[in-house]
Amino acid sequence: MSLKWLNRLRPSTAMQGRHPWLVSAGLALVLSTLGNAPFWWALTQLPEVNSLRAYAGLIGIWAALTMLMWVFVNVVVWPWWRKPGGVLLLVMSMTASYFMAMYGVVIDPTMVANATQTNTAEVRDLLSLTLLLTLVLGVGVPGLWWWRLQPGVCVGWQRWSHQLGAVLVGSALTAVLLLLVFQDLASLMRNHTSLRYMLNPFNTVYAVGRLAKTEQAQRQQPLQSIGDDASARPIADKAAAPLLLLVVGETARAANFGIAGYQRPTTPQMQALQTQGDLYFFSQVQSCGTNTQISVPCMFSHLDRQAKADSTANYESLLDVLHKAGWAVLWLENQSGCKGVCDRVATVNTSELKEPKFCSAGECWDEIMLDGLSERVAALSAERRAIGTVVVMHQMGSHGPAYYKRSPPSHKAFLPECTDNALPSCDAQALRNAYDNSIAYTDYFLGQAVGWLKTQPQPTAMWYVSDHGESLGENGIYLHGMPYKMAPKEQTHVPMALWVSPAMRQHWAVDDACLRTQQAKPWSHDNWFHTVLGSADVKTGLYQAEMDITRACRR
């Protein structure tokens, strides 16, 4: 029985002896059409494509892309690895096509970086029957055909001449076709830059190569020390040394915060604290990036967003500067990692704990970070705590697409929820319900965090800011990670809040009326580094007072 099955995988007589050019052309045709379905769909939806001439132009672009794909296949797929090489191209193209079609994302170096750092839980959240069906039809069927197809036998110089000949002929034909459609193609690419990131598998190959080059350059750069001159404000009463809690939110967009004007009551805890006069909400804050891989390191960097993007050097982070100033520093991780920010300070990965009260299905709700927190803080150096303590909490927050997993069953105020990770198939209201429940749970978590801070004897304050936002289907886009220059505001407009205890208000000598005037001003993650240094009263040449959100209001 097994021998019969093996025989089916062997090339049939009809599939043997094909000219090598025809074999590679067949794969190129599959990649240019089926492997680029989202690209062709996006083209047909453009307002410019509304006439017979425009559709004729699309046919010309398809012919040019197919010919270019034929050249690409002959460049990268050689007889020695023909079978696995072709299947790999199919896997790359169809996987990228699935995520582009399903979530409206594009493939660029930062998206590939996110994929390489995705943990098991996040991968599990992305798996679906739709993905399996896509891979079966898009990879399994043409992959089986490719595996069984047998080109004519070529040996020695014939093998090289066939391959090189295909590249030369294909390049010439591609050039001719591109000249014929250049005007239409250039206009489309200039007016719709996202199309450049949708050509499979060129987008993935380029992104992987660009990412590898950047990471190689960073590995060759030694870690650059910063803030060596940092010093802390002297504290006469060691028991009154301040405690700062920095909460790094995850995938929370400002548009769904009730305190920011959203019509649903997603933030009752924050609004109650605001009414009491202890909480300030900054409504116009822009993120450094559209994904955790970019935003978190940028937030804790002394460089601004543009300088950070242009630099390949490795620098120490804000936490290193606080540590050099003598502060006790603790990072609590309930997500997929701190992206290098916390590498040199005390770190606890709460996402790996298995406390039944706070954990389910291999991951933990954010409350786990408050469990035993007093004991974790007490375990830090007493000498450093006498100067000041900073605790950073990196939330699981509203990480998608499984938003329904981000809130416990007891905190689901909005029902029914979408429980399908193929988000376009969800009812729009059910999808919003699941996301809003995650925001409401973040609000509850922040309220609990403030409750813990109120039990501490020293001056305390809490800063909360999300790393980036999220798209929930606006303009057909879901999740996050779009290139910053084309990202919708839902992915870059993030919430930021500050809670100050009465003792910290006195310690800072803060002017309440002044601080409230800062709430509606435009701020960004670029202000985070300097604002936290100012909140900790750390002196260093890196500190820029004009970038500190609260500096003008502290005497």
Protein backbone atom coordinates (compact mmCIF):
# COMPACT_ATOMS: atom_id res chain seq x y z
CA MET A 1 0.00 0.00 0.00
CA SER A 2 2.79 2.40 0.95
CA LEU A 3 4.65 1.60 -2.29
CA LYS A 4 1.59 2.56 -4.33
CA TRP A 5 1.43 5.87 -2.44
CA LEU A 6 5.08 6.55 -3.16
CA ASN A 7 4.53 5.77 -6.83
CA ARG A 8 1.94 8.55 -7.00
CA LEU A 9 4.62 11.09 -6.06
CA ARG A 10 6.86 9.98 -8.91
CA PRO A 11 6.59 11.95 -12.12
CA SER A 12 4.16 10.50 -14.60
CA THR A 13 5.24 9.87 -18.16
CA ALA A 14 3.26 12.90 -19.31
CA MET A 15 5.06 15.11 -16.80
CA GLN A 16 8.57 14.00 -17.69
CA GLY A 17 10.92 15.65 -20.17
CA ARG A 18 9.40 19.15 -20.12
CA HIS A 19 11.64 21.92 -21.34
CA PRO A 20 13.21 23.67 -18.30
CA TRP A 21 11.85 27.02 -19.51
CA LEU A 22 8.28 25.68 -19.46
CA VAL A 23 8.77 24.21 -15.99
CA SER A 24 10.00 27.50 -14.46
CA ALA A 25 7.37 29.45 -16.42
CA GLY A 26 4.64 27.32 -14.85
CA LEU A 27 5.83 28.18 -11.33
CA ALA A 28 6.20 31.85 -12.28
CA LEU A 29 2.60 31.89 -13.53
CA VAL A 30 1.29 30.42 -10.26
CA LEU A 31 3.28 32.93 -8.19
CA SER A 32 2.26 35.97 -10.26
CA THR A 33 -1.45 35.12 -10.18
CA LEU A 34 -2.50 32.98 -7.23
CA GLY A 35 0.43 34.11 -5.07
CA ASN A 36 -0.42 37.76 -5.67
CA ALA A 37 -4.19 37.66 -5.39
CA PRO A 38 -4.32 40.49 -2.77
CA PHE A 39 -2.23 42.71 -5.04
CA TRP A 40 -4.55 42.20 -8.01
CA TRP A 41 -7.62 42.71 -5.84
CA ALA A 42 -6.19 45.96 -4.46
CA LEU A 43 -5.48 47.16 -8.00
CA THR A 44 -9.03 46.50 -9.18
CA GLN A 45 -10.44 48.50 -6.25
CA LEU A 46 -8.51 51.67 -7.10
CA PRO A 47 -10.57 54.62 -8.42
CA GLU A 48 -8.16 54.96 -11.36
CA VAL A 49 -9.14 51.51 -12.64
CA ASN A 50 -12.49 52.42 -14.17
CA SER A 51 -12.11 52.08 -17.93
CA LEU A 52 -11.20 49.60 -20.66
CA ARG A 53 -7.84 51.34 -21.05
CA ALA A 54 -7.15 50.89 -17.35
CA TYR A 55 -7.99 47.18 -17.50
CA ALA A 56 -5.75 46.81 -20.54
CA GLY A 57 -3.03 48.41 -18.46
CA LEU A 58 -3.61 45.83 -15.72
CA ILE A 59 -3.15 43.04 -18.26
CA GLY A 60 0.15 44.62 -19.27
CA ILE A 61 1.25 44.86 -15.63
CA TRP A 62 0.29 41.21 -15.12
CA ALA A 63 2.36 40.18 -18.15
CA ALA A 64 5.34 42.21 -16.93
CA LEU A 65 5.07 40.77 -13.41
CA THR A 66 4.80 37.22 -14.73
CA MET A 67 7.88 37.71 -16.90
CA LEU A 68 9.76 39.29 -13.98
CA MET A 69 8.72 36.35 -11.81
CA TRP A 70 10.07 33.96 -14.45
CA VAL A 71 13.44 35.73 -14.28
CA PHE A 72 13.37 35.59 -10.47
CA VAL A 73 12.57 31.86 -10.44
CA ASN A 74 15.46 31.13 -12.80
CA VAL A 75 17.82 33.22 -10.67
CA VAL A 76 17.05 31.59 -7.32
CA VAL A 77 15.80 28.08 -8.16
CA TRP A 78 18.58 25.86 -9.51
CA PRO A 79 18.36 22.13 -10.34
CA TRP A 80 20.20 21.12 -7.16
CA TRP A 81 17.37 22.46 -4.94
CA ARG A 82 14.62 22.80 -7.54
CA LYS A 83 11.87 20.94 -5.67
CA PRO A 84 12.25 22.37 -2.14
CA GLY A 85 13.15 25.80 -3.58
CA GLY A 86 9.93 26.03 -5.56
CA VAL A 87 7.81 24.85 -2.62
CA LEU A 88 9.49 27.43 -0.36
CA LEU A 89 8.55 30.21 -2.77
CA LEU A 90 4.95 28.95 -2.76
CA VAL A 91 4.88 28.89 1.06
CA MET A 92 6.30 32.41 1.30
CA SER A 93 3.90 33.82 -1.27
CA MET A 94 0.73 32.14 -0.03
CA THR A 95 1.38 32.79 3.65
CA ALA A 96 2.06 36.47 2.97
CA SER A 97 -1.01 36.63 0.69
CA TYR A 98 -3.20 35.13 3.39
CA PHE A 99 -2.24 37.69 6.03
CA MET A 100 -2.45 40.57 3.56
CA ALA A 101 -5.91 39.48 2.41
CA MET A 102 -7.19 38.60 5.88
CA TYR A 103 -5.91 41.57 7.89
CA GLY A 104 -5.02 44.21 5.30
CA VAL A 105 -1.37 44.29 6.42
CA VAL A 106 1.69 44.69 4.21
CA ILE A 107 5.02 42.89 4.39
CA ASP A 108 8.01 45.06 5.28
CA PRO A 109 11.14 44.57 7.45
CA THR A 110 9.37 45.50 10.69
CA MET A 111 6.56 43.03 9.97
CA VAL A 112 9.13 40.27 9.37
CA ALA A 113 10.91 41.29 12.61
CA ASN A 114 7.60 40.92 14.45
CA ALA A 115 7.10 37.47 12.94
CA THR A 116 10.56 36.28 13.97
CA GLN A 117 9.94 37.34 17.57
CA THR A 118 6.43 35.96 17.87
CA ASN A 119 6.00 33.51 20.75
CA THR A 120 4.03 30.28 20.77
CA ALA A 121 0.87 31.83 22.20
CA GLU A 122 0.79 34.52 19.51
CA VAL A 123 1.31 31.95 16.75
CA ARG A 124 -1.52 29.88 18.16
CA ASP A 125 -3.82 32.91 18.07
CA LEU A 126 -3.13 33.33 14.34
CA LEU A 127 -3.90 29.76 13.33
CA SER A 128 -7.26 29.11 11.73
CA LEU A 129 -9.12 26.76 9.41
CA THR A 130 -9.01 29.49 6.75
CA LEU A 131 -5.21 29.56 6.92
CA LEU A 132 -5.06 25.78 6.66
CA LEU A 133 -7.38 25.79 3.62
CA THR A 134 -5.27 28.54 2.00
CA LEU A 135 -2.09 26.52 2.45
CA VAL A 136 -3.71 23.32 1.15
CA LEU A 137 -5.06 24.97 -2.01
CA GLY A 138 -2.29 27.50 -2.53
CA VAL A 139 0.73 25.40 -1.55
CA GLY A 140 -0.36 21.76 -1.42
CA VAL A 141 -1.96 21.50 -4.87
CA PRO A 142 0.59 23.49 -6.94
CA GLY A 143 3.38 22.16 -4.70
CA LEU A 144 2.46 18.57 -5.51
CA TRP A 145 2.35 19.44 -9.21
CA TRP A 146 5.78 21.10 -8.95
CA TRP A 147 7.26 18.17 -7.03
CA ARG A 148 6.08 15.63 -9.60
CA LEU A 149 7.01 17.72 -12.63
CA GLN A 150 10.27 16.59 -14.17
CA PRO A 151 12.15 18.91 -16.56
CA GLY A 152 14.18 17.54 -19.40
CA VAL A 153 17.60 16.24 -18.44
CA CYS A 154 20.29 18.92 -18.62
CA VAL A 155 23.92 18.23 -17.80
CA GLY A 156 27.10 20.29 -17.73
CA TRP A 157 27.01 23.43 -19.86
CA GLN A 158 23.39 22.74 -20.92
CA ARG A 159 22.16 23.29 -17.36
CA TRP A 160 23.90 26.68 -17.16
CA SER A 161 22.91 27.73 -20.68
CA HIS A 162 19.20 26.98 -20.10
CA GLN A 163 19.17 28.86 -16.80
CA LEU A 164 21.21 31.81 -18.04
CA GLY A 165 19.27 31.95 -21.29
CA ALA A 166 15.98 32.18 -19.39
CA VAL A 167 17.33 35.05 -17.30
CA LEU A 168 18.56 36.97 -20.35
CA VAL A 169 15.45 36.40 -22.47
CA GLY A 170 13.13 37.06 -19.53
CA SER A 171 14.97 40.26 -18.57
CA ALA A 172 14.71 41.58 -22.10
CA LEU A 173 10.99 40.81 -22.36
CA THR A 174 10.39 42.26 -18.88
CA ALA A 175 12.12 45.50 -19.90
CA VAL A 176 9.97 45.76 -23.03
CA LEU A 177 6.74 45.12 -21.12
CA LEU A 178 7.68 47.56 -18.35
CA LEU A 179 8.33 50.26 -20.94
CA LEU A 180 4.87 49.69 -22.40
CA VAL A 181 3.13 50.02 -19.01
CA PHE A 182 5.61 52.35 -17.29
CA GLN A 183 3.37 55.41 -17.24
CA ASP A 184 0.42 53.60 -15.66
CA LEU A 185 2.61 51.59 -13.27
CA ALA A 186 4.62 54.61 -12.08
CA SER A 187 1.45 56.56 -11.41
CA LEU A 188 -0.09 53.73 -9.40
CA MET A 189 3.04 53.14 -7.31
CA ARG A 190 3.47 56.86 -6.67
CA ASN A 191 -0.12 57.44 -5.58
CA HIS A 192 -0.57 54.15 -3.68
CA THR A 193 2.70 53.37 -1.92
CA SER A 194 1.24 50.36 -0.09
CA LEU A 195 1.22 48.46 -3.42
CA ARG A 196 5.03 48.30 -3.26
CA TYR A 197 4.79 46.08 -0.19
CA MET A 198 2.24 43.70 -1.74
CA LEU A 199 4.27 42.02 -4.49
CA ASN A 200 4.93 38.42 -3.43
CA PRO A 201 7.46 36.99 -2.83
CA PHE A 202 9.62 40.04 -3.63
CA ASN A 203 8.30 41.86 -0.56
CA THR A 204 9.26 39.01 1.77
CA VAL A 205 12.67 38.46 0.18
CA TYR A 206 13.44 42.18 0.38
CA ALA A 207 12.16 42.45 3.97
CA VAL A 208 14.19 39.45 5.15
CA GLY A 209 17.33 40.74 3.42
CA ARG A 210 16.91 44.27 4.77
CA LEU A 211 16.24 42.99 8.29
CA ALA A 212 19.25 40.65 8.18
CA LYS A 213 21.49 43.50 7.02
CA THR A 214 20.26 45.82 9.79
CA GLU A 215 20.62 43.19 12.50
CA GLN A 216 24.10 42.28 11.26
CA ALA A 217 25.12 45.94 11.41
CA GLN A 218 23.75 46.19 14.96
CA ARG A 219 25.56 43.04 16.07
CA GLN A 220 28.81 44.49 14.83
CA GLN A 221 28.24 47.64 16.88
CA PRO A 222 29.28 47.42 20.56
CA LEU A 223 26.69 48.50 23.12
CA GLN A 224 26.98 52.28 23.48
CA SER A 225 26.93 53.55 27.05
CA ILE A 226 24.70 56.54 27.82
CA GLY A 227 23.94 58.58 30.94
CA ASP A 228 27.22 57.89 32.73
CA ASP A 229 26.82 61.27 34.44
CA ALA A 230 23.36 60.41 35.85
CA SER A 231 22.72 61.30 39.49
CA ALA A 232 19.60 61.23 41.63
CA ARG A 233 18.09 63.96 43.75
CA PRO A 234 19.29 63.55 47.36
CA ILE A 235 16.56 62.24 49.68
CA ALA A 236 16.88 63.28 53.32
CA ASP A 237 14.25 60.84 54.56
CA LYS A 238 15.09 57.43 53.08
CA ALA A 239 11.59 56.17 53.88
CA ALA A 240 10.21 58.88 51.59
CA ALA A 241 12.16 57.79 48.51
CA PRO A 242 9.73 57.92 45.53
CA LEU A 243 8.26 54.93 43.72
CA LEU A 244 7.35 55.21 40.04
CA LEU A 245 5.16 52.67 38.25
CA LEU A 246 5.50 52.72 34.45
CA VAL A 247 2.81 50.72 32.67
CA VAL A 248 3.59 49.98 29.01
CA GLY A 249 0.25 49.23 27.38
CA GLU A 250 -0.14 46.89 24.43
CA THR A 251 -2.19 47.54 21.29
CA ALA A 252 -4.45 50.09 23.00
CA ARG A 253 -5.75 52.81 20.73
CA ALA A 254 -6.98 56.11 22.14
CA ALA A 255 -10.14 56.02 20.04
CA ASN A 256 -11.70 53.34 22.29
CA PHE A 257 -11.03 55.02 25.65
CA GLY A 258 -14.12 56.43 27.31
CA ILE A 259 -11.99 59.04 29.05
CA ALA A 260 -10.94 60.26 25.58
CA GLY A 261 -14.56 60.76 24.47
CA TYR A 262 -15.47 57.26 23.25
CA GLN A 263 -19.20 56.71 23.69
CA ARG A 264 -18.85 53.41 25.55
CA PRO A 265 -17.94 53.23 29.27
CA THR A 266 -14.62 51.45 28.75
CA THR A 267 -12.65 53.47 31.36
CA PRO A 268 -14.78 53.97 34.50
CA GLN A 269 -11.80 53.53 36.85
CA MET A 270 -9.68 56.15 35.11
CA GLN A 271 -12.57 58.57 34.90
CA ALA A 272 -13.28 58.17 38.60
CA LEU A 273 -9.62 58.92 39.41
CA GLN A 274 -9.79 61.92 37.08
CA THR A 275 -12.87 63.21 38.89
CA GLN A 276 -11.00 62.88 42.19
CA GLY A 277 -8.33 65.16 40.73
CA ASP A 278 -5.47 62.66 40.82
CA LEU A 279 -5.33 61.49 37.19
CA TYR A 280 -4.36 63.39 34.06
CA PHE A 281 -5.17 62.02 30.59
CA PHE A 282 -3.14 63.20 27.61
CA SER A 283 -5.39 62.95 24.59
CA GLN A 284 -3.05 63.79 21.69
CA VAL A 285 -0.15 61.33 21.89
CA GLN A 286 1.57 59.75 18.89
CA SER A 287 3.45 56.44 19.04
CA CYS A 288 7.01 55.83 17.85
CA GLY A 289 5.94 52.95 15.65
CA THR A 290 3.05 50.67 14.80
CA ASN A 291 4.40 47.51 16.46
CA THR A 292 6.07 46.49 19.70
CA GLN A 293 9.38 45.68 18.01
CA ILE A 294 9.81 49.34 17.04
CA SER A 295 7.85 51.25 19.69
CA VAL A 296 9.14 49.80 22.95
CA PRO A 297 12.88 50.32 22.23
CA CYS A 298 12.07 53.76 20.81
CA MET A 299 10.10 54.77 23.92
CA PHE A 300 13.03 53.95 26.19
CA SER A 301 15.66 55.47 23.88
CA HIS A 302 17.29 58.90 24.26
CA LEU A 303 16.94 59.28 20.48
CA ASP A 304 13.78 60.61 18.86
CA ARG A 305 11.73 58.52 16.43
CA GLN A 306 13.49 59.70 13.29
CA ALA A 307 17.01 59.46 14.75
CA LYS A 308 16.22 56.01 16.11
CA ALA A 309 15.02 54.87 12.67
CA ASP A 310 18.18 56.17 11.00
CA SER A 311 20.60 54.64 13.52
CA THR A 312 21.85 51.06 13.54
CA ALA A 313 23.92 51.52 16.72
CA ASN A 314 23.07 49.77 19.98
CA TYR A 315 22.49 52.09 22.91
CA GLU A 316 21.65 51.52 26.54
CA SER A 317 18.11 52.43 27.53
CA LEU A 318 16.31 54.72 29.95
CA LEU A 319 16.39 51.92 32.52
CA ASP A 320 20.19 51.83 32.37
CA VAL A 321 20.30 55.57 33.07
CA LEU A 322 17.97 55.20 36.08
CA HIS A 323 20.10 52.33 37.35
CA LYS A 324 23.28 54.42 37.01
CA ALA A 325 21.59 57.16 39.00
CA GLY A 326 21.18 54.67 41.84
CA TRP A 327 17.52 53.76 41.43
CA ALA A 328 16.20 50.24 41.99
CA VAL A 329 14.70 49.01 38.70
CA LEU A 330 12.32 46.08 38.14
CA TRP A 331 10.74 45.00 34.83
CA LEU A 332 7.66 42.75 34.87
CA GLU A 333 7.01 41.08 31.52
CA ASN A 334 3.56 39.70 30.68
CA GLN A 335 4.07 39.70 26.92
CA SER A 336 6.58 38.42 24.38
CA GLY A 337 9.64 40.31 25.61
CA CYS A 338 11.08 43.74 26.31
CA LYS A 339 12.95 43.92 22.95
CA GLY A 340 16.29 44.43 24.69
CA VAL A 341 15.19 47.33 26.90
CA CYS A 342 15.31 45.36 30.19
CA ASP A 343 18.33 43.15 29.45
CA ARG A 344 20.51 44.70 32.17
CA VAL A 345 18.00 45.14 35.02
CA ALA A 346 16.03 42.79 37.27
CA THR A 347 13.28 41.10 35.24
CA VAL A 348 10.38 38.78 36.08
CA ASN A 349 8.48 37.05 33.27
CA THR A 350 4.97 36.74 34.70
CA SER A 351 3.63 35.31 31.42
CA GLU A 352 5.35 32.03 32.30
CA LEU A 353 3.69 31.69 35.72
CA LYS A 354 0.92 29.16 36.12
CA GLU A 355 -1.22 30.75 38.82
CA PRO A 356 -4.76 29.38 38.16
CA LYS A 357 -6.40 32.53 39.49
CA PHE A 358 -4.76 34.70 36.82
CA CYS A 359 -3.67 32.30 34.08
CA SER A 360 -5.56 30.21 31.53
CA ALA A 361 -4.72 28.36 28.30
CA GLY A 362 -0.99 29.01 28.57
CA GLU A 363 -1.10 32.78 29.16
CA CYS A 364 -1.82 35.11 32.06
CA TRP A 365 -4.04 38.16 32.46
CA ASP A 366 -2.28 41.35 33.44
CA GLU A 367 -3.35 41.17 37.08
CA ILE A 368 -0.66 38.53 37.54
CA MET A 369 1.87 41.37 37.62
CA LEU A 370 0.29 42.75 40.81
CA ASP A 371 0.33 39.38 42.55
CA GLY A 372 3.21 39.35 45.04
CA LEU A 373 4.45 42.72 43.79
CA SER A 374 5.25 44.07 47.28
CA GLU A 375 7.51 41.08 47.92
CA ARG A 376 9.27 41.53 44.57
CA VAL A 377 9.93 45.19 45.29
CA ALA A 378 11.16 44.38 48.80
CA ALA A 379 13.66 41.92 47.31
CA LEU A 380 15.40 44.73 45.40
CA SER A 381 18.49 46.40 46.85
CA ALA A 382 17.58 48.33 50.00
CA GLU A 383 20.34 50.82 49.28
CA ARG A 384 18.88 51.57 45.87
CA ARG A 385 15.28 51.68 47.14
CA ALA A 386 16.42 54.39 49.56
CA ILE A 387 17.09 56.56 46.49
CA GLY A 388 14.04 55.57 44.45
CA THR A 389 12.26 52.63 42.81
CA VAL A 390 10.87 52.25 39.32
CA VAL A 391 8.69 49.28 38.37
CA VAL A 392 7.84 48.73 34.70
CA MET A 393 4.87 46.55 33.73
CA HIS A 394 4.64 45.39 30.12
CA GLN A 395 1.03 44.38 29.52
CA MET A 396 -0.54 41.73 27.35
CA GLY A 397 -3.18 44.43 27.03
CA SER A 398 -5.28 44.21 23.87
CA HIS A 399 -2.97 42.09 21.73
CA GLY A 400 -4.87 40.62 18.80
CA PRO A 401 -6.32 38.96 16.94
CA ALA A 402 -7.71 36.94 19.88
CA TYR A 403 -9.01 39.98 21.76
CA TYR A 404 -11.52 37.85 23.65
CA LYS A 405 -8.63 36.16 25.46
CA ARG A 406 -7.37 39.45 26.85
CA SER A 407 -10.10 39.80 29.48
CA PRO A 408 -11.25 37.28 32.13
CA PRO A 409 -14.81 35.92 31.97
CA SER A 410 -15.79 38.13 34.92
CA HIS A 411 -14.85 41.31 33.03
CA LYS A 412 -16.91 40.98 29.85
CA ALA A 413 -19.24 43.94 29.86
CA PHE A 414 -19.86 43.94 26.12
CA LEU A 415 -21.38 40.86 24.50
CA PRO A 416 -21.44 38.92 22.25
CA GLU A 417 -17.73 38.71 21.52
CA CYS A 418 -15.91 37.70 18.36
CA THR A 419 -14.01 34.48 19.13
CA ASP A 420 -12.67 33.91 15.61
CA ASN A 421 -9.14 35.02 14.77
CA ALA A 422 -10.16 35.40 11.11
CA LEU A 423 -11.35 38.91 11.96
CA PRO A 424 -13.07 39.83 8.66
CA SER A 425 -15.48 36.94 9.18
CA CYS A 426 -16.58 38.39 12.53
CA ASP A 427 -19.60 40.58 13.01
CA ALA A 428 -18.24 44.14 13.28
CA GLN A 429 -20.02 44.79 16.58
CA ALA A 430 -18.89 41.50 18.11
CA LEU A 431 -15.32 42.33 17.12
CA ARG A 432 -15.59 45.74 18.75
CA ASN A 433 -17.12 44.13 21.85
CA ALA A 434 -14.13 41.83 22.27
CA TYR A 435 -11.67 44.70 21.82
CA ASP A 436 -13.60 47.03 24.14
CA ASN A 437 -13.62 44.34 26.82
CA SER A 438 -9.83 44.23 26.63
CA ILE A 439 -9.68 48.02 27.07
CA ALA A 440 -12.12 47.86 29.98
CA TYR A 441 -9.93 45.20 31.61
CA THR A 442 -6.86 47.40 31.15
CA ASP A 443 -8.81 50.17 32.89
CA TYR A 444 -9.62 47.78 35.75
CA PHE A 445 -5.97 46.69 35.93
CA LEU A 446 -4.80 50.30 36.12
CA GLY A 447 -7.32 50.93 38.89
CA GLN A 448 -5.92 47.94 40.80
CA ALA A 449 -2.37 49.21 40.23
CA VAL A 450 -3.32 52.60 41.67
CA GLY A 451 -4.91 50.78 44.60
CA TRP A 452 -1.59 49.04 45.26
CA LEU A 453 0.32 52.32 45.00
CA LYS A 454 -1.98 53.88 47.59
CA THR A 455 -0.88 51.22 50.10
CA GLN A 456 2.78 52.19 49.78
CA PRO A 457 4.23 54.52 52.43
CA GLN A 458 6.36 56.67 50.09
CA PRO A 459 5.43 59.19 47.36
CA THR A 460 4.07 57.28 44.35
CA ALA A 461 3.03 58.00 40.77
CA MET A 462 1.99 55.96 37.75
CA TRP A 463 2.58 56.67 34.07
CA TYR A 464 0.59 54.65 31.53
CA VAL A 465 1.09 54.76 27.76
CA SER A 466 0.38 52.24 25.01
CA ASP A 467 3.12 51.14 22.63
CA HIS A 468 0.91 51.46 19.52
CA GLY A 469 -2.71 51.33 18.44
CA GLU A 470 -4.82 48.90 16.42
CA SER A 471 -7.03 48.77 13.34
CA LEU A 472 -10.40 47.07 13.71
CA GLY A 473 -11.46 46.87 10.08
CA GLU A 474 -11.40 50.54 9.12
CA ASN A 475 -10.76 50.69 5.36
CA GLY A 476 -10.34 46.91 5.38
CA ILE A 477 -7.29 47.03 7.69
CA TYR A 478 -6.94 44.92 10.84
CA LEU A 479 -4.31 44.51 13.57
CA HIS A 480 -1.23 46.79 13.35
CA GLY A 481 2.27 46.98 11.89
CA MET A 482 1.65 49.17 8.83
CA PRO A 483 4.70 51.19 7.66
CA TYR A 484 4.58 54.39 9.70
CA LYS A 485 4.34 56.75 6.74
CA MET A 486 1.14 55.07 5.57
CA ALA A 487 -0.27 53.88 8.93
CA PRO A 488 -3.83 54.96 9.77
CA LYS A 489 -4.31 57.08 12.89
CA GLU A 490 -5.89 54.13 14.69
CA GLN A 491 -2.41 52.55 14.82
CA THR A 492 -0.47 55.66 15.91
CA HIS A 493 -2.84 57.60 18.21
CA VAL A 494 -2.31 56.12 21.68
CA PRO A 495 -3.56 56.83 25.21
CA MET A 496 -1.31 58.25 27.94
CA ALA A 497 -2.21 58.93 31.57
CA LEU A 498 -0.52 60.08 34.77
CA TRP A 499 -1.74 59.38 38.31
CA VAL A 500 -0.09 61.25 41.19
CA SER A 501 -0.47 60.50 44.89
CA PRO A 502 -0.81 63.43 47.36
CA ALA A 503 2.67 62.69 48.73
CA MET A 504 4.19 62.72 45.23
CA ARG A 505 2.31 65.91 44.39
CA GLN A 506 4.06 67.52 47.36
CA HIS A 507 7.40 65.91 46.47
CA TRP A 508 7.21 67.30 42.94
CA ALA A 509 5.59 70.57 44.05
CA VAL A 510 3.36 70.15 41.02
CA ASP A 511 0.90 72.80 39.85
CA ASP A 512 -2.40 71.04 39.16
CA ALA A 513 -3.87 73.77 36.95
CA CYS A 514 -0.69 73.90 34.87
CA LEU A 515 -0.61 70.14 34.43
CA ARG A 516 -4.18 70.11 33.21
CA THR A 517 -3.26 72.58 30.48
CA GLN A 518 -0.74 70.01 29.20
CA GLN A 519 -3.37 67.33 28.60
CA ALA A 520 -4.60 68.49 25.18
CA LYS A 521 -1.17 69.40 23.77
CA PRO A 522 0.43 67.21 21.08
CA TRP A 523 2.95 64.79 22.63
CA SER A 524 4.63 61.61 21.48
CA HIS A 525 6.74 58.68 22.63
CA ASP A 526 9.73 60.95 22.04
CA ASN A 527 8.74 62.77 25.25
CA TRP A 528 8.70 59.58 27.35
CA PHE A 529 12.47 59.33 28.01
CA HIS A 530 12.78 62.90 29.28
CA THR A 531 9.48 62.88 31.15
CA VAL A 532 10.42 59.79 33.15
CA LEU A 533 13.87 61.25 33.94
CA GLY A 534 12.13 64.40 35.14
CA SER A 535 9.63 62.38 37.18
CA ALA A 536 12.57 60.59 38.85
CA ASP A 537 14.50 63.86 39.43
CA VAL A 538 17.54 62.38 37.67
CA LYS A 539 20.16 64.82 36.45
CA THR A 540 22.07 63.97 33.26
CA GLY A 541 23.25 65.76 30.16
CA LEU A 542 20.83 63.63 28.15
CA TYR A 543 17.81 65.27 29.79
CA GLN A 544 15.99 67.88 27.69
CA ALA A 545 13.66 69.93 29.86
CA GLU A 546 11.57 71.11 26.88
CA MET A 547 10.73 67.47 26.11
CA ASP A 548 9.50 66.76 29.66
CA ILE A 549 5.69 66.87 29.70
CA THR A 550 5.51 67.90 33.38
CA ARG A 551 8.64 70.08 33.73
CA ALA A 552 6.83 73.41 33.33
CA CYS A 553 4.42 72.40 36.09
CA ARG A 554 6.93 71.22 38.71
CA ARG A 555 8.60 73.77 40.96
